[in-house]
PDB file of N, CA and C in Angstrom:
ATOM      1  N   MET A   1     -44.245  65.949  39.526  1.00  0.00           N
ATOM      2  CA  MET A   1     -45.234  66.180  38.510  1.00  0.00           C
ATOM      3  C   MET A   1     -44.687  67.110  37.483  1.00  0.00           C
ATOM      4  N   GLU A   2     -44.845  66.847  36.177  1.00  0.00           N
ATOM      5  CA  GLU A   2     -44.426  67.798  35.085  1.00  0.00           C
ATOM      6  C   GLU A   2     -45.599  68.464  34.474  1.00  0.00           C
ATOM      7  N   THR A   3     -45.346  69.756  34.059  1.00  0.00           N
ATOM      8  CA  THR A   3     -46.341  70.447  33.383  1.00  0.00           C
ATOM      9  C   THR A   3     -46.491  69.915  31.888  1.00  0.00           C
ATOM     10  N   GLY A   4     -47.530  70.349  31.285  1.00  0.00           N
ATOM     11  CA  GLY A   4     -47.818  69.953  29.992  1.00  0.00           C
ATOM     12  C   GLY A   4     -48.550  68.657  29.936  1.00  0.00           C
ATOM     13  N   GLY A   5     -48.014  67.559  29.345  1.00  0.00           N
ATOM     14  CA  GLY A   5     -48.824  66.272  29.407  1.00  0.00           C
ATOM     15  C   GLY A   5     -49.972  66.374  28.470  1.00  0.00           C
ATOM     16  N   ASN A   6     -50.966  65.553  28.723  1.00  0.00           N
ATOM     17  CA  ASN A   6     -52.122  65.115  27.936  1.00  0.00           C
ATOM     18  C   ASN A   6     -53.422  65.201  28.813  1.00  0.00           C
ATOM     19  N   PRO A   7     -53.792  66.319  29.352  1.00  0.00           N
ATOM     20  CA  PRO A   7     -54.830  66.384  30.372  1.00  0.00           C
ATOM     21  C   PRO A   7     -56.044  65.830  29.493  1.00  0.00           C
ATOM     22  N   GLY A   8     -56.840  64.751  30.136  1.00  0.00           N
ATOM     23  CA  GLY A   8     -58.070  64.210  29.696  1.00  0.00           C
ATOM     24  C   GLY A   8     -57.702  63.175  28.657  1.00  0.00           C
ATOM     25  N   THR A   9     -56.495  62.914  28.151  1.00  0.00           N
ATOM     26  CA  THR A   9     -56.202  61.856  27.257  1.00  0.00           C
ATOM     27  C   THR A   9     -55.029  60.957  27.869  1.00  0.00           C
ATOM     28  N   SER A  10     -54.853  60.027  27.114  1.00  0.00           N
ATOM     29  CA  SER A  10     -53.812  59.097  27.665  1.00  0.00           C
ATOM     30  C   SER A  10     -52.364  59.462  27.015  1.00  0.00           C
ATOM     31  N   ASP A  11     -51.378  59.268  27.785  1.00  0.00           N
ATOM     32  CA  ASP A  11     -50.071  59.352  27.220  1.00  0.00           C
ATOM     33  C   ASP A  11     -49.346  58.000  26.895  1.00  0.00           C
ATOM     34  N   ARG A  12     -50.321  57.002  26.767  1.00  0.00           N
ATOM     35  CA  ARG A  12     -49.834  55.647  26.435  1.00  0.00           C
ATOM     36  C   ARG A  12     -49.196  55.596  25.019  1.00  0.00           C
ATOM     37  N   VAL A  13     -48.104  54.871  24.962  1.00  0.00           N
ATOM     38  CA  VAL A  13     -47.441  54.437  23.681  1.00  0.00           C
ATOM     39  C   VAL A  13     -47.916  53.083  23.221  1.00  0.00           C
ATOM     40  N   PRO A  14     -48.707  52.923  22.234  1.00  0.00           N
ATOM     41  CA  PRO A  14     -49.097  51.639  21.886  1.00  0.00           C
ATOM     42  C   PRO A  14     -47.962  50.658  21.409  1.00  0.00           C
ATOM     43  N   TYR A  15     -48.077  49.439  21.763  1.00  0.00           N
ATOM     44  CA  TYR A  15     -47.145  48.405  21.386  1.00  0.00           C
ATOM     45  C   TYR A  15     -47.409  47.980  20.029  1.00  0.00           C
ATOM     46  N   SER A  16     -46.528  47.767  19.165  1.00  0.00           N
ATOM     47  CA  SER A  16     -46.873  47.306  17.794  1.00  0.00           C
ATOM     48  C   SER A  16     -46.244  45.872  17.841  1.00  0.00           C
ATOM     49  N   GLU A  17     -47.114  45.002  17.259  1.00  0.00           N
ATOM     50  CA  GLU A  17     -46.724  43.527  17.076  1.00  0.00           C
ATOM     51  C   GLU A  17     -45.577  43.364  16.274  1.00  0.00           C
ATOM     52  N   GLY A  18     -44.636  42.506  16.749  1.00  0.00           N
ATOM     53  CA  GLY A  18     -43.382  42.373  16.065  1.00  0.00           C
ATOM     54  C   GLY A  18     -42.156  43.284  16.601  1.00  0.00           C
ATOM     55  N   GLU A  19     -42.660  44.304  17.428  1.00  0.00           N
ATOM     56  CA  GLU A  19     -41.623  45.172  18.151  1.00  0.00           C
ATOM     57  C   GLU A  19     -41.023  44.306  19.270  1.00  0.00           C
ATOM     58  N   GLY A  20     -39.739  44.364  19.379  1.00  0.00           N
ATOM     59  CA  GLY A  20     -39.245  43.756  20.612  1.00  0.00           C
ATOM     60  C   GLY A  20     -39.624  44.397  21.947  1.00  0.00           C
ATOM     61  N   LEU A  21     -39.997  43.605  22.990  1.00  0.00           N
ATOM     62  CA  LEU A  21     -40.401  44.072  24.213  1.00  0.00           C
ATOM     63  C   LEU A  21     -39.251  44.930  24.793  1.00  0.00           C
ATOM     64  N   VAL A  22     -38.143  44.602  24.724  1.00  0.00           N
ATOM     65  CA  VAL A  22     -36.970  45.435  25.281  1.00  0.00           C
ATOM     66  C   VAL A  22     -36.861  46.824  24.598  1.00  0.00           C
ATOM     67  N   ASP A  23     -37.082  46.855  23.217  1.00  0.00           N
ATOM     68  CA  ASP A  23     -36.959  48.101  22.596  1.00  0.00           C
ATOM     69  C   ASP A  23     -38.172  48.970  22.889  1.00  0.00           C
ATOM     70  N   TYR A  24     -39.299  48.321  23.234  1.00  0.00           N
ATOM     71  CA  TYR A  24     -40.565  49.103  23.552  1.00  0.00           C
ATOM     72  C   TYR A  24     -40.517  49.720  24.893  1.00  0.00           C
ATOM     73  N   VAL A  25     -39.863  49.124  25.790  1.00  0.00           N
ATOM     74  CA  VAL A  25     -39.935  49.427  27.311  1.00  0.00           C
ATOM     75  C   VAL A  25     -38.665  50.120  27.784  1.00  0.00           C
ATOM     76  N   ILE A  26     -37.496  49.458  27.499  1.00  0.00           N
ATOM     77  CA  ILE A  26     -36.133  49.816  28.187  1.00  0.00           C
ATOM     78  C   ILE A  26     -35.474  51.016  27.615  1.00  0.00           C
ATOM     79  N   GLY A  27     -35.046  51.961  28.466  1.00  0.00           N
ATOM     80  CA  GLY A  27     -34.249  53.026  28.061  1.00  0.00           C
ATOM     81  C   GLY A  27     -32.855  52.826  28.478  1.00  0.00           C
ATOM     82  N   GLY A  28     -32.418  52.055  29.372  1.00  0.00           N
ATOM     83  CA  GLY A  28     -31.308  51.780  30.045  1.00  0.00           C
ATOM     84  C   GLY A  28     -31.470  51.312  31.375  1.00  0.00           C
ATOM     85  N   GLN A  29     -30.248  50.777  31.990  1.00  0.00           N
ATOM     86  CA  GLN A  29     -30.355  50.074  33.380  1.00  0.00           C
ATOM     87  C   GLN A  29     -28.951  50.498  34.033  1.00  0.00           C
ATOM     88  N   GLU A  30     -29.049  50.387  35.293  1.00  0.00           N
ATOM     89  CA  GLU A  30     -27.829  50.491  35.992  1.00  0.00           C
ATOM     90  C   GLU A  30     -27.842  49.904  37.391  1.00  0.00           C
ATOM     91  N   ILE A  31     -26.841  49.437  37.812  1.00  0.00           N
ATOM     92  CA  ILE A  31     -26.797  48.699  39.337  1.00  0.00           C
ATOM     93  C   ILE A  31     -25.750  49.511  40.057  1.00  0.00           C
ATOM     94  N   THR A  32     -26.216  50.009  41.269  1.00  0.00           N
ATOM     95  CA  THR A  32     -25.222  50.627  42.050  1.00  0.00           C
ATOM     96  C   THR A  32     -25.182  50.099  43.465  1.00  0.00           C
ATOM     97  N   LEU A  33     -24.046  50.193  44.141  1.00  0.00           N
ATOM     98  CA  LEU A  33     -24.068  49.808  45.584  1.00  0.00           C
ATOM     99  C   LEU A  33     -24.172  51.094  46.476  1.00  0.00           C
ATOM    100  N   GLY A  34     -24.980  50.867  47.378  1.00  0.00           N
ATOM    101  CA  GLY A  34     -25.259  51.951  48.422  1.00  0.00           C
ATOM    102  C   GLY A  34     -24.236  51.643  49.519  1.00  0.00           C
ATOM    103  N   GLU A  35     -24.778  51.710  50.787  1.00  0.00           N
ATOM    104  CA  GLU A  35     -23.929  51.196  51.931  1.00  0.00           C
ATOM    105  C   GLU A  35     -23.564  49.796  51.562  1.00  0.00           C
ATOM    106  N   ALA A  36     -22.797  49.215  52.494  1.00  0.00           N
ATOM    107  CA  ALA A  36     -22.278  47.913  52.236  1.00  0.00           C
ATOM    108  C   ALA A  36     -23.233  46.783  52.040  1.00  0.00           C
ATOM    109  N   SER A  37     -24.386  46.890  52.617  1.00  0.00           N
ATOM    110  CA  SER A  37     -25.457  45.951  52.403  1.00  0.00           C
ATOM    111  C   SER A  37     -26.600  46.324  51.616  1.00  0.00           C
ATOM    112  N   ILE A  38     -26.570  47.497  51.018  1.00  0.00           N
ATOM    113  CA  ILE A  38     -27.818  48.003  50.161  1.00  0.00           C
ATOM    114  C   ILE A  38     -27.364  47.997  48.798  1.00  0.00           C
ATOM    115  N   VAL A  39     -28.205  47.532  47.941  1.00  0.00           N
ATOM    116  CA  VAL A  39     -27.900  47.447  46.615  1.00  0.00           C
ATOM    117  C   VAL A  39     -29.157  48.118  45.934  1.00  0.00           C
ATOM    118  N   ARG A  40     -28.871  48.932  44.951  1.00  0.00           N
ATOM    119  CA  ARG A  40     -29.861  49.636  44.152  1.00  0.00           C
ATOM    120  C   ARG A  40     -29.838  49.167  42.650  1.00  0.00           C
ATOM    121  N   PHE A  41     -31.038  48.985  42.214  1.00  0.00           N
ATOM    122  CA  PHE A  41     -31.125  48.646  40.758  1.00  0.00           C
ATOM    123  C   PHE A  41     -31.934  49.625  39.996  1.00  0.00           C
ATOM    124  N   GLU A  42     -31.485  50.236  39.112  1.00  0.00           N
ATOM    125  CA  GLU A  42     -32.125  51.461  38.384  1.00  0.00           C
ATOM    126  C   GLU A  42     -32.373  51.009  36.835  1.00  0.00           C
ATOM    127  N   VAL A  43     -33.614  51.338  36.400  1.00  0.00           N
ATOM    128  CA  VAL A  43     -34.026  50.912  35.078  1.00  0.00           C
ATOM    129  C   VAL A  43     -34.726  52.201  34.467  1.00  0.00           C
ATOM    130  N   LEU A  44     -34.205  52.540  33.212  1.00  0.00           N
ATOM    131  CA  LEU A  44     -34.830  53.677  32.609  1.00  0.00           C
ATOM    132  C   LEU A  44     -35.768  52.905  31.581  1.00  0.00           C
ATOM    133  N   PHE A  45     -37.054  53.519  31.565  1.00  0.00           N
ATOM    134  CA  PHE A  45     -37.928  52.816  30.646  1.00  0.00           C
ATOM    135  C   PHE A  45     -38.701  54.067  29.988  1.00  0.00           C
ATOM    136  N   LYS A  46     -39.350  53.791  28.867  1.00  0.00           N
ATOM    137  CA  LYS A  46     -40.167  54.786  28.109  1.00  0.00           C
ATOM    138  C   LYS A  46     -41.497  55.095  28.700  1.00  0.00           C
ATOM    139  N   ALA A  47     -41.695  56.374  29.012  1.00  0.00           N
ATOM    140  CA  ALA A  47     -42.998  56.561  29.648  1.00  0.00           C
ATOM    141  C   ALA A  47     -44.118  56.309  28.586  1.00  0.00           C
ATOM    142  N   GLY A  48     -45.190  55.789  29.232  1.00  0.00           N
ATOM    143  CA  GLY A  48     -46.372  55.372  28.367  1.00  0.00           C
ATOM    144  C   GLY A  48     -46.251  54.048  27.845  1.00  0.00           C
ATOM    145  N   ALA A  49     -45.181  53.290  28.051  1.00  0.00           N
ATOM    146  CA  ALA A  49     -45.088  51.917  27.621  1.00  0.00           C
ATOM    147  C   ALA A  49     -45.856  51.026  28.422  1.00  0.00           C
ATOM    148  N   ASP A  50     -47.100  51.270  28.424  1.00  0.00           N
ATOM    149  CA  ASP A  50     -48.012  50.488  29.358  1.00  0.00           C
ATOM    150  C   ASP A  50     -48.537  49.243  28.917  1.00  0.00           C
ATOM    151  N   ASP A  51     -48.140  48.790  27.716  1.00  0.00           N
ATOM    152  CA  ASP A  51     -48.689  47.497  27.112  1.00  0.00           C
ATOM    153  C   ASP A  51     -47.729  46.277  27.694  1.00  0.00           C
ATOM    154  N   VAL A  52     -46.621  46.665  28.476  1.00  0.00           N
ATOM    155  CA  VAL A  52     -45.845  45.670  28.908  1.00  0.00           C
ATOM    156  C   VAL A  52     -45.613  45.895  30.364  1.00  0.00           C
ATOM    157  N   GLU A  53     -45.789  44.637  31.238  1.00  0.00           N
ATOM    158  CA  GLU A  53     -45.458  44.643  32.576  1.00  0.00           C
ATOM    159  C   GLU A  53     -43.968  44.581  32.825  1.00  0.00           C
ATOM    160  N   LEU A  54     -43.469  45.330  33.534  1.00  0.00           N
ATOM    161  CA  LEU A  54     -42.005  45.373  33.878  1.00  0.00           C
ATOM    162  C   LEU A  54     -41.880  44.843  35.401  1.00  0.00           C
ATOM    163  N   THR A  55     -41.111  43.776  35.542  1.00  0.00           N
ATOM    164  CA  THR A  55     -40.923  43.145  36.936  1.00  0.00           C
ATOM    165  C   THR A  55     -39.444  43.000  37.191  1.00  0.00           C
ATOM    166  N   PRO A  56     -38.922  43.712  38.207  1.00  0.00           N
ATOM    167  CA  PRO A  56     -37.494  43.531  38.527  1.00  0.00           C
ATOM    168  C   PRO A  56     -37.323  42.090  39.244  1.00  0.00           C
ATOM    169  N   GLU A  57     -36.082  41.517  39.052  1.00  0.00           N
ATOM    170  CA  GLU A  57     -35.829  40.169  39.437  1.00  0.00           C
ATOM    171  C   GLU A  57     -34.300  40.178  39.895  1.00  0.00           C
ATOM    172  N   TRP A  58     -34.028  39.376  40.899  1.00  0.00           N
ATOM    173  CA  TRP A  58     -32.595  39.172  41.429  1.00  0.00           C
ATOM    174  C   TRP A  58     -32.355  37.750  41.381  1.00  0.00           C
ATOM    175  N   SER A  59     -30.974  37.386  41.426  1.00  0.00           N
ATOM    176  CA  SER A  59     -30.496  36.013  41.602  1.00  0.00           C
ATOM    177  C   SER A  59     -29.123  36.022  42.224  1.00  0.00           C
ATOM    178  N   SER A  60     -28.831  34.903  42.895  1.00  0.00           N
ATOM    179  CA  SER A  60     -27.385  34.889  43.442  1.00  0.00           C
ATOM    180  C   SER A  60     -26.703  33.726  42.553  1.00  0.00           C
ATOM    181  N   ASN A  61     -27.317  33.148  41.679  1.00  0.00           N
ATOM    182  CA  ASN A  61     -26.595  32.174  40.893  1.00  0.00           C
ATOM    183  C   ASN A  61     -27.084  31.866  39.486  1.00  0.00           C
ATOM    184  N   LEU A  62     -27.919  32.892  39.033  1.00  0.00           N
ATOM    185  CA  LEU A  62     -28.361  32.926  37.593  1.00  0.00           C
ATOM    186  C   LEU A  62     -29.304  31.759  37.208  1.00  0.00           C
ATOM    187  N   ASN A  63     -29.707  30.899  38.171  1.00  0.00           N
ATOM    188  CA  ASN A  63     -30.497  29.754  37.954  1.00  0.00           C
ATOM    189  C   ASN A  63     -31.952  30.126  38.512  1.00  0.00           C
ATOM    190  N   GLY A  64     -32.066  30.571  39.685  1.00  0.00           N
ATOM    191  CA  GLY A  64     -33.300  30.951  40.331  1.00  0.00           C
ATOM    192  C   GLY A  64     -33.479  32.486  40.279  1.00  0.00           C
ATOM    193  N   TRP A  65     -34.557  32.969  39.821  1.00  0.00           N
ATOM    194  CA  TRP A  65     -34.837  34.407  39.787  1.00  0.00           C
ATOM    195  C   TRP A  65     -35.954  34.738  40.692  1.00  0.00           C
ATOM    196  N   PHE A  66     -35.890  35.782  41.480  1.00  0.00           N
ATOM    197  CA  PHE A  66     -36.922  36.170  42.515  1.00  0.00           C
ATOM    198  C   PHE A  66     -37.351  37.640  42.317  1.00  0.00           C
ATOM    199  N   GLY A  67     -38.475  37.885  42.701  1.00  0.00           N
ATOM    200  CA  GLY A  67     -39.045  39.196  42.755  1.00  0.00           C
ATOM    201  C   GLY A  67     -39.198  39.782  44.175  1.00  0.00           C
ATOM    202  N   ASP A  68     -39.012  38.905  45.118  1.00  0.00           N
ATOM    203  CA  ASP A  68     -39.249  39.460  46.543  1.00  0.00           C
ATOM    204  C   ASP A  68     -37.917  40.163  47.014  1.00  0.00           C
ATOM    205  N   ARG A  69     -37.972  40.929  48.105  1.00  0.00           N
ATOM    206  CA  ARG A  69     -36.800  41.605  48.632  1.00  0.00           C
ATOM    207  C   ARG A  69     -36.481  42.934  47.826  1.00  0.00           C
ATOM    208  N   LEU A  70     -36.949  43.047  46.600  1.00  0.00           N
ATOM    209  CA  LEU A  70     -36.746  44.327  45.924  1.00  0.00           C
ATOM    210  C   LEU A  70     -37.895  45.197  46.195  1.00  0.00           C
ATOM    211  N   THR A  71     -37.657  46.536  46.680  1.00  0.00           N
ATOM    212  CA  THR A  71     -38.603  47.362  46.950  1.00  0.00           C
ATOM    213  C   THR A  71     -38.386  48.649  46.087  1.00  0.00           C
ATOM    214  N   LEU A  72     -39.437  49.151  45.493  1.00  0.00           N
ATOM    215  CA  LEU A  72     -39.407  50.342  44.804  1.00  0.00           C
ATOM    216  C   LEU A  72     -39.252  51.593  45.684  1.00  0.00           C
ATOM    217  N   VAL A  73     -38.159  52.330  45.517  1.00  0.00           N
ATOM    218  CA  VAL A  73     -37.892  53.358  46.379  1.00  0.00           C
ATOM    219  C   VAL A  73     -38.041  54.731  45.693  1.00  0.00           C
ATOM    220  N   ALA A  74     -38.076  54.683  44.412  1.00  0.00           N
ATOM    221  CA  ALA A  74     -38.112  56.083  43.623  1.00  0.00           C
ATOM    222  C   ALA A  74     -38.512  55.758  42.333  1.00  0.00           C
ATOM    223  N   GLN A  75     -39.280  56.820  41.733  1.00  0.00           N
ATOM    224  CA  GLN A  75     -39.690  56.867  40.447  1.00  0.00           C
ATOM    225  C   GLN A  75     -39.544  58.260  39.925  1.00  0.00           C
ATOM    226  N   GLU A  76     -38.852  58.500  38.909  1.00  0.00           N
ATOM    227  CA  GLU A  76     -38.543  59.911  38.579  1.00  0.00           C
ATOM    228  C   GLU A  76     -38.639  60.175  37.078  1.00  0.00           C
ATOM    229  N   ALA A  77     -39.462  61.159  36.669  1.00  0.00           N
ATOM    230  CA  ALA A  77     -39.651  61.459  35.197  1.00  0.00           C
ATOM    231  C   ALA A  77     -38.262  62.188  34.820  1.00  0.00           C
ATOM    232  N   LEU A  78     -37.532  61.724  33.772  1.00  0.00           N
ATOM    233  CA  LEU A  78     -36.362  62.440  33.424  1.00  0.00           C
ATOM    234  C   LEU A  78     -36.350  63.406  32.253  1.00  0.00           C
ATOM    235  N   GLY A  79     -37.677  63.441  31.621  1.00  0.00           N
ATOM    236  CA  GLY A  79     -37.870  64.189  30.498  1.00  0.00           C
ATOM    237  C   GLY A  79     -37.436  63.394  29.283  1.00  0.00           C
ATOM    238  N   GLY A  80     -37.670  63.848  27.968  1.00  0.00           N
ATOM    239  CA  GLY A  80     -37.328  63.167  26.868  1.00  0.00           C
ATOM    240  C   GLY A  80     -37.988  61.818  26.713  1.00  0.00           C
ATOM    241  N   GLY A  81     -39.193  61.681  27.418  1.00  0.00           N
ATOM    242  CA  GLY A  81     -39.890  60.521  27.284  1.00  0.00           C
ATOM    243  C   GLY A  81     -39.419  59.297  28.172  1.00  0.00           C
ATOM    244  N   LEU A  82     -38.590  59.582  29.117  1.00  0.00           N
ATOM    245  CA  LEU A  82     -37.941  58.464  29.884  1.00  0.00           C
ATOM    246  C   LEU A  82     -38.342  58.611  31.313  1.00  0.00           C
ATOM    247  N   VAL A  83     -38.436  57.426  32.082  1.00  0.00           N
ATOM    248  CA  VAL A  83     -38.729  57.458  33.502  1.00  0.00           C
ATOM    249  C   VAL A  83     -37.752  56.508  34.113  1.00  0.00           C
ATOM    250  N   LYS A  84     -37.175  56.873  35.312  1.00  0.00           N
ATOM    251  CA  LYS A  84     -36.365  56.047  35.991  1.00  0.00           C
ATOM    252  C   LYS A  84     -36.976  55.484  37.234  1.00  0.00           C
ATOM    253  N   ARG A  85     -36.946  54.141  37.322  1.00  0.00           N
ATOM    254  CA  ARG A  85     -37.448  53.528  38.602  1.00  0.00           C
ATOM    255  C   ARG A  85     -36.228  52.977  39.329  1.00  0.00           C
ATOM    256  N   THR A  86     -36.168  53.027  40.565  1.00  0.00           N
ATOM    257  CA  THR A  86     -35.169  52.475  41.453  1.00  0.00           C
ATOM    258  C   THR A  86     -35.675  51.603  42.554  1.00  0.00           C
ATOM    259  N   TRP A  87     -35.080  50.358  42.321  1.00  0.00           N
ATOM    260  CA  TRP A  87     -35.469  49.439  43.400  1.00  0.00           C
ATOM    261  C   TRP A  87     -34.178  49.159  44.275  1.00  0.00           C
ATOM    262  N   GLN A  88     -34.518  48.724  45.633  1.00  0.00           N
ATOM    263  CA  GLN A  88     -33.448  48.621  46.589  1.00  0.00           C
ATOM    264  C   GLN A  88     -33.656  47.266  47.299  1.00  0.00           C
ATOM    265  N   MET A  89     -32.600  46.658  47.622  1.00  0.00           N
ATOM    266  CA  MET A  89     -32.635  45.475  48.442  1.00  0.00           C
ATOM    267  C   MET A  89     -31.454  45.392  49.398  1.00  0.00           C
ATOM    268  N   THR A  90     -31.668  44.650  50.452  1.00  0.00           N
ATOM    269  CA  THR A  90     -30.514  44.443  51.359  1.00  0.00           C
ATOM    270  C   THR A  90     -29.849  43.085  51.012  1.00  0.00           C
ATOM    271  N   ARG A  91     -28.554  43.248  50.689  1.00  0.00           N
ATOM    272  CA  ARG A  91     -27.681  41.934  50.536  1.00  0.00           C
ATOM    273  C   ARG A  91     -27.328  41.238  51.749  1.00  0.00           C
ATOM    274  N   GLU A  92     -27.761  39.946  51.765  1.00  0.00           N
ATOM    275  CA  GLU A  92     -27.393  39.173  52.903  1.00  0.00           C
ATOM    276  C   GLU A  92     -25.826  38.703  52.990  1.00  0.00           C
ATOM    277  N   ALA A  93     -25.365  38.652  54.171  1.00  0.00           N
ATOM    278  CA  ALA A  93     -23.842  38.392  54.253  1.00  0.00           C
ATOM    279  C   ALA A  93     -23.423  37.209  53.366  1.00  0.00           C
ATOM    280  N   ASN A  94     -24.239  36.185  53.220  1.00  0.00           N
ATOM    281  CA  ASN A  94     -23.851  35.018  52.499  1.00  0.00           C
ATOM    282  C   ASN A  94     -23.925  35.167  50.993  1.00  0.00           C
ATOM    283  N   GLU A  95     -24.398  36.230  50.499  1.00  0.00           N
ATOM    284  CA  GLU A  95     -24.586  36.581  49.049  1.00  0.00           C
ATOM    285  C   GLU A  95     -23.435  37.251  48.598  1.00  0.00           C
ATOM    286  N   GLU A  96     -22.355  36.433  48.040  1.00  0.00           N
ATOM    287  CA  GLU A  96     -21.265  37.071  47.418  1.00  0.00           C
ATOM    288  C   GLU A  96     -21.615  37.612  46.092  1.00  0.00           C
ATOM    289  N   ARG A  97     -22.421  37.132  45.440  1.00  0.00           N
ATOM    290  CA  ARG A  97     -22.845  37.539  43.973  1.00  0.00           C
ATOM    291  C   ARG A  97     -24.377  37.971  43.996  1.00  0.00           C
ATOM    292  N   LEU A  98     -24.735  38.981  43.312  1.00  0.00           N
ATOM    293  CA  LEU A  98     -26.046  39.308  42.971  1.00  0.00           C
ATOM    294  C   LEU A  98     -26.170  39.722  41.546  1.00  0.00           C
ATOM    295  N   PHE A  99     -27.236  39.279  40.907  1.00  0.00           N
ATOM    296  CA  PHE A  99     -27.449  39.611  39.461  1.00  0.00           C
ATOM    297  C   PHE A  99     -28.868  40.161  39.442  1.00  0.00           C
ATOM    298  N   PHE A 100     -29.054  41.137  38.444  1.00  0.00           N
ATOM    299  CA  PHE A 100     -30.412  41.661  38.456  1.00  0.00           C
ATOM    300  C   PHE A 100     -30.829  41.717  36.879  1.00  0.00           C
ATOM    301  N   ARG A 101     -32.166  41.706  36.765  1.00  0.00           N
ATOM    302  CA  ARG A 101     -32.585  41.724  35.408  1.00  0.00           C
ATOM    303  C   ARG A 101     -34.226  42.325  35.495  1.00  0.00           C
ATOM    304  N   VAL A 102     -34.860  42.621  34.478  1.00  0.00           N
ATOM    305  CA  VAL A 102     -36.243  42.923  34.404  1.00  0.00           C
ATOM    306  C   VAL A 102     -36.835  41.809  33.592  1.00  0.00           C
ATOM    307  N   SER A 103     -37.986  41.399  33.987  1.00  0.00           N
ATOM    308  CA  SER A 103     -38.846  40.452  33.130  1.00  0.00           C
ATOM    309  C   SER A 103     -39.816  41.309  32.559  1.00  0.00           C
ATOM    310  N   LEU A 104     -40.051  41.027  31.287  1.00  0.00           N
ATOM    311  CA  LEU A 104     -41.128  41.858  30.532  1.00  0.00           C
ATOM    312  C   LEU A 104     -42.207  40.931  29.989  1.00  0.00           C
ATOM    313  N   GLU A 105     -43.352  41.308  30.290  1.00  0.00           N
ATOM    314  CA  GLU A 105     -44.491  40.435  29.817  1.00  0.00           C
ATOM    315  C   GLU A 105     -45.622  41.287  29.177  1.00  0.00           C
ATOM    316  N   LYS A 106     -45.914  40.953  28.029  1.00  0.00           N
ATOM    317  CA  LYS A 106     -47.012  41.843  27.225  1.00  0.00           C
ATOM    318  C   LYS A 106     -48.354  41.660  27.939  1.00  0.00           C
ATOM    319  N   ARG A 107     -48.972  42.702  28.386  1.00  0.00           N
ATOM    320  CA  ARG A 107     -50.272  42.632  29.002  1.00  0.00           C
ATOM    321  C   ARG A 107     -51.440  42.176  28.028  1.00  0.00           C
TER     322      ARG A 107
END
């Protein structure tokens, strides 16, 4: 929890029509390998960008994208208006390649 904030009011940042969803939400992303079978996918997003639903997805072939198997394991306020979310999944032995992305949908 951070001190300050907007007690009694919203910290929501309104979406402006014509603004790109990626520019509105994403502050950066990173993929890291943990233990041999653990993969972590981190996305930095702008705090208060509540007008867009951010959904992590993975694929082993870039054709089919899935949201299952990704578990949110951490969310951290970084300051400067950014929040980092970390998802984790277990890589199966037959998955030689994994790709990650976030799907953005305006609410």
